[in-house]
Amino acid sequence: MRGSPRHLKTQASQPARPAFFMPDRFLSYLQKLEDAGLVASVVELSADGKALNYFDVSNFDFQLTPAAIAEAAKSLSTNPE
């Protein structure tokens, strides 16, 4: 993650390693966050021409109220992927 002065620029799959996530699974979670507008991806080319995918946290503001939770709960699936 990057975009914040307190974070070092890292490749998208790098934070998955210490948390014992599989990088592909971690990237699928990041994709879901991007689809929701919570992060934005940036692809850059390394010096050797390799595509590196970085994610920036987007600015967002949610009001967490009982009504908001009830509305969000309607979108939950009972069938896990």
Protein backbone atom coordinates (compact mmCIF):
# COMPACT_ATOMS: atom_id res chain seq x y z
CA MET A 1 0.00 0.00 0.00
CA ARG A 2 1.21 3.50 -0.60
CA GLY A 3 -0.09 7.03 -0.62
CA SER A 4 0.49 7.85 3.03
CA PRO A 5 3.75 9.33 4.32
CA ARG A 6 3.79 6.76 7.13
CA HIS A 7 3.72 3.82 4.68
CA LEU A 8 6.54 2.70 2.46
CA LYS A 9 5.76 2.02 -1.17
CA THR A 10 5.30 -1.73 -1.49
CA GLN A 11 4.12 -4.10 -4.16
CA ALA A 12 0.45 -5.05 -3.71
CA SER A 13 1.11 -8.67 -2.69
CA GLN A 14 3.88 -7.83 -0.18
CA PRO A 15 1.59 -7.17 2.84
CA ALA A 16 0.08 -10.64 2.34
CA ARG A 17 3.29 -12.45 3.26
CA PRO A 18 3.61 -11.62 6.98
CA ALA A 19 -0.13 -12.14 7.44
CA PHE A 20 0.11 -15.63 5.88
CA PHE A 21 -2.34 -14.78 3.10
CA MET A 22 -1.92 -16.38 -0.28
CA PRO A 23 -0.93 -13.48 -2.58
CA ASP A 24 -3.61 -14.37 -5.17
CA ARG A 25 -6.31 -14.41 -2.48
CA PHE A 26 -5.03 -11.15 -1.00
CA LEU A 27 -5.14 -9.52 -4.44
CA SER A 28 -8.73 -10.71 -4.87
CA TYR A 29 -9.62 -8.93 -1.59
CA LEU A 30 -7.89 -5.78 -2.83
CA GLN A 31 -9.90 -6.04 -6.07
CA LYS A 32 -13.13 -6.17 -4.05
CA LEU A 33 -12.02 -3.08 -2.12
CA GLU A 34 -11.25 -1.36 -5.43
CA ASP A 35 -14.69 -2.32 -6.80
CA ALA A 36 -16.20 -0.71 -3.68
CA GLY A 37 -14.17 2.48 -4.25
CA LEU A 38 -12.09 2.09 -1.07
CA VAL A 39 -8.74 1.68 -2.84
CA ALA A 40 -7.38 2.58 -6.27
CA SER A 41 -4.80 0.54 -8.17
CA VAL A 42 -1.80 1.91 -10.02
CA VAL A 43 0.32 -0.21 -12.35
CA GLU A 44 3.93 0.89 -12.82
CA LEU A 45 6.77 -0.63 -14.79
CA SER A 46 9.95 -1.61 -12.95
CA ALA A 47 13.39 -0.90 -14.40
CA ASP A 48 13.42 -4.40 -15.89
CA GLY A 49 10.00 -3.91 -17.54
CA LYS A 50 8.00 -5.95 -15.03
CA ALA A 51 4.51 -4.63 -14.26
CA LEU A 52 4.10 -3.82 -10.56
CA ASN A 53 0.66 -3.27 -9.09
CA TYR A 54 0.28 -0.78 -6.22
CA PHE A 55 -2.86 0.20 -4.32
CA ASP A 56 -3.67 3.56 -2.74
CA VAL A 57 -6.30 3.95 -0.05
CA SER A 58 -9.08 6.23 -1.30
CA ASN A 59 -10.62 8.97 0.80
CA PHE A 60 -13.96 7.82 2.14
CA ASP A 61 -16.38 8.69 4.91
CA PHE A 62 -18.98 6.25 6.20
CA GLN A 63 -21.57 6.92 8.85
CA LEU A 64 -21.91 3.65 10.74
CA THR A 65 -25.47 3.61 12.06
CA PRO A 66 -27.89 0.76 12.78
CA ALA A 67 -29.82 1.70 9.63
CA ALA A 68 -26.64 1.65 7.51
CA ILE A 69 -25.68 -1.77 8.88
CA ALA A 70 -29.17 -3.15 8.22
CA GLU A 71 -29.06 -1.87 4.64
CA ALA A 72 -25.56 -3.33 4.04
CA ALA A 73 -26.63 -6.67 5.53
CA LYS A 74 -29.19 -7.04 2.72
CA SER A 75 -26.30 -7.44 0.26
CA LEU A 76 -24.63 -10.31 2.14
CA SER A 77 -24.67 -13.70 0.51
CA THR A 78 -25.33 -16.93 2.38
CA ASN A 79 -23.32 -18.78 -0.28
CA PRO A 80 -19.56 -18.32 0.27
CA GLU A 81 -17.39 -18.19 -2.84
